[in-house]
Amino acid sequence: MAGRRRAGIESTAPLFAALGDPMRLRLVARLCEGGPHSIVRLTEGTELTRQGVTKHLRVLADAGLIQGTWRGRERLWKIEPGRFDVARGYLELMSRRWDERLARLDQHVSKRKE
């Protein structure tokens, strides 16, 4: 069980590391707005060059969060919802564990007051 949990954490860590950068979070937010976007569209309104945005897109793609497909000479990037489901599941698990621990602490404190 502990080995499986460790493997789950290790496979999820790159996902959270990729989301740990503010620019990458902004790119993810933009990709969530209206479907696939080209590098040109993703670069608009940012302080980064196309090369800089491409670097961030590669990190997100390596983490399995986005996927690029070629349409002619242009690469379109889109969200991979499955990886976000993995992240959500992990966060929900951690939330439940904290809720359980806080409930036990509350019970312990309540018993001591009696």
Protein backbone atom coordinates (compact mmCIF):
# COMPACT_ATOMS: atom_id res chain seq x y z
CA MET A 1 0.00 0.00 0.00
CA ALA A 2 2.73 2.50 0.94
CA GLY A 3 4.64 1.65 -2.25
CA ARG A 4 1.56 2.31 -4.37
CA ARG A 5 0.96 5.61 -2.55
CA ARG A 6 4.59 6.63 -3.10
CA ALA A 7 4.30 5.76 -6.80
CA GLY A 8 1.13 7.84 -7.02
CA ILE A 9 2.84 10.82 -5.39
CA GLU A 10 5.90 10.48 -7.61
CA SER A 11 3.79 10.35 -10.75
CA THR A 12 1.77 13.37 -9.60
CA ALA A 13 4.73 15.52 -8.53
CA PRO A 14 5.71 16.62 -12.09
CA LEU A 15 2.13 17.73 -12.66
CA PHE A 16 2.17 20.03 -9.62
CA ALA A 17 5.71 21.19 -10.43
CA ALA A 18 4.55 22.22 -13.91
CA LEU A 19 1.63 24.14 -12.41
CA GLY A 20 3.91 25.81 -9.87
CA ASP A 21 4.93 28.59 -12.25
CA PRO A 22 2.67 31.67 -12.59
CA MET A 23 3.21 31.96 -16.36
CA ARG A 24 2.31 28.32 -16.89
CA LEU A 25 -0.83 28.80 -14.80
CA ARG A 26 -1.74 31.77 -17.02
CA LEU A 27 -1.19 29.65 -20.12
CA VAL A 28 -3.39 26.88 -18.70
CA ALA A 29 -6.09 29.45 -17.94
CA ARG A 30 -5.91 30.75 -21.51
CA LEU A 31 -6.13 27.25 -22.91
CA CYS A 32 -9.26 26.68 -20.84
CA GLU A 33 -10.89 29.61 -22.63
CA GLY A 34 -12.34 28.54 -25.93
CA GLY A 35 -10.43 25.53 -27.09
CA PRO A 36 -7.04 25.03 -28.76
CA HIS A 37 -4.74 28.02 -29.24
CA SER A 38 -1.72 28.64 -31.41
CA ILE A 39 1.57 29.93 -30.06
CA VAL A 40 0.78 33.31 -31.62
CA ARG A 41 -2.49 33.55 -29.74
CA LEU A 42 -0.93 32.33 -26.48
CA THR A 43 1.88 34.87 -26.73
CA GLU A 44 -0.49 37.83 -27.18
CA GLY A 45 -0.68 39.97 -24.07
CA THR A 46 2.28 38.34 -22.33
CA GLU A 47 5.71 39.72 -21.62
CA LEU A 48 7.29 36.56 -23.04
CA THR A 49 8.62 35.84 -26.48
CA ARG A 50 7.25 32.98 -28.54
CA GLN A 51 10.36 31.03 -27.62
CA GLY A 52 9.68 31.64 -23.90
CA VAL A 53 6.04 30.57 -24.20
CA THR A 54 7.12 27.48 -26.16
CA LYS A 55 9.46 26.52 -23.31
CA HIS A 56 6.58 26.71 -20.82
CA LEU A 57 4.31 24.76 -23.16
CA ARG A 58 6.88 21.96 -23.35
CA VAL A 59 6.98 21.70 -19.55
CA LEU A 60 3.16 21.49 -19.44
CA ALA A 61 3.16 18.93 -22.25
CA ASP A 62 5.85 16.81 -20.56
CA ALA A 63 3.64 16.74 -17.45
CA GLY A 64 0.75 15.54 -19.62
CA LEU A 65 -1.35 18.64 -18.94
CA ILE A 66 -1.57 19.83 -22.53
CA GLN A 67 -1.16 18.37 -25.99
CA GLY A 68 0.00 19.98 -29.20
CA THR A 69 -1.26 18.96 -32.63
CA TRP A 70 -0.13 20.25 -35.97
CA ARG A 71 -2.60 21.97 -38.26
CA GLY A 72 -0.70 22.90 -41.37
CA ARG A 73 2.35 24.91 -40.33
CA GLU A 74 0.84 25.86 -37.00
CA ARG A 75 0.81 23.89 -33.77
CA LEU A 76 -2.36 24.13 -31.71
CA TRP A 77 -2.27 23.48 -27.98
CA LYS A 78 -5.15 22.11 -25.93
CA ILE A 79 -5.82 20.97 -22.37
CA GLU A 80 -5.62 17.27 -21.46
CA PRO A 81 -8.42 17.00 -18.88
CA GLY A 82 -7.40 13.54 -17.66
CA ARG A 83 -4.26 14.83 -15.96
CA PHE A 84 -6.24 17.55 -14.23
CA ASP A 85 -8.59 14.82 -12.95
CA VAL A 86 -5.54 13.11 -11.44
CA ALA A 87 -4.55 16.36 -9.71
CA ARG A 88 -8.07 16.94 -8.45
CA GLY A 89 -8.25 13.39 -7.10
CA TYR A 90 -4.97 13.80 -5.26
CA LEU A 91 -6.06 17.14 -3.75
CA GLU A 92 -9.40 15.67 -2.70
CA LEU A 93 -7.59 12.77 -1.01
CA MET A 94 -5.34 15.18 0.90
CA SER A 95 -8.36 17.30 1.85
CA ARG A 96 -10.20 14.26 3.25
CA ARG A 97 -7.14 13.23 5.24
CA TRP A 98 -6.80 16.71 6.76
CA ASP A 99 -10.52 16.81 7.55
CA GLU A 100 -10.24 13.45 9.34
CA ARG A 101 -7.20 14.56 11.33
CA LEU A 102 -8.79 17.85 12.31
CA ALA A 103 -11.96 16.03 13.39
CA ARG A 104 -9.87 13.71 15.60
CA LEU A 105 -8.07 16.71 17.08
CA ASP A 106 -11.41 18.39 17.75
CA GLN A 107 -12.68 15.25 19.51
CA HIS A 108 -9.52 15.07 21.59
CA VAL A 109 -9.77 18.73 22.61
CA SER A 110 -13.49 18.36 23.41
CA LYS A 111 -12.80 15.35 25.67
CA ARG A 112 -10.12 17.26 27.55
CA LYS A 113 -12.52 20.14 28.23
CA GLU A 114 -15.04 17.76 29.86
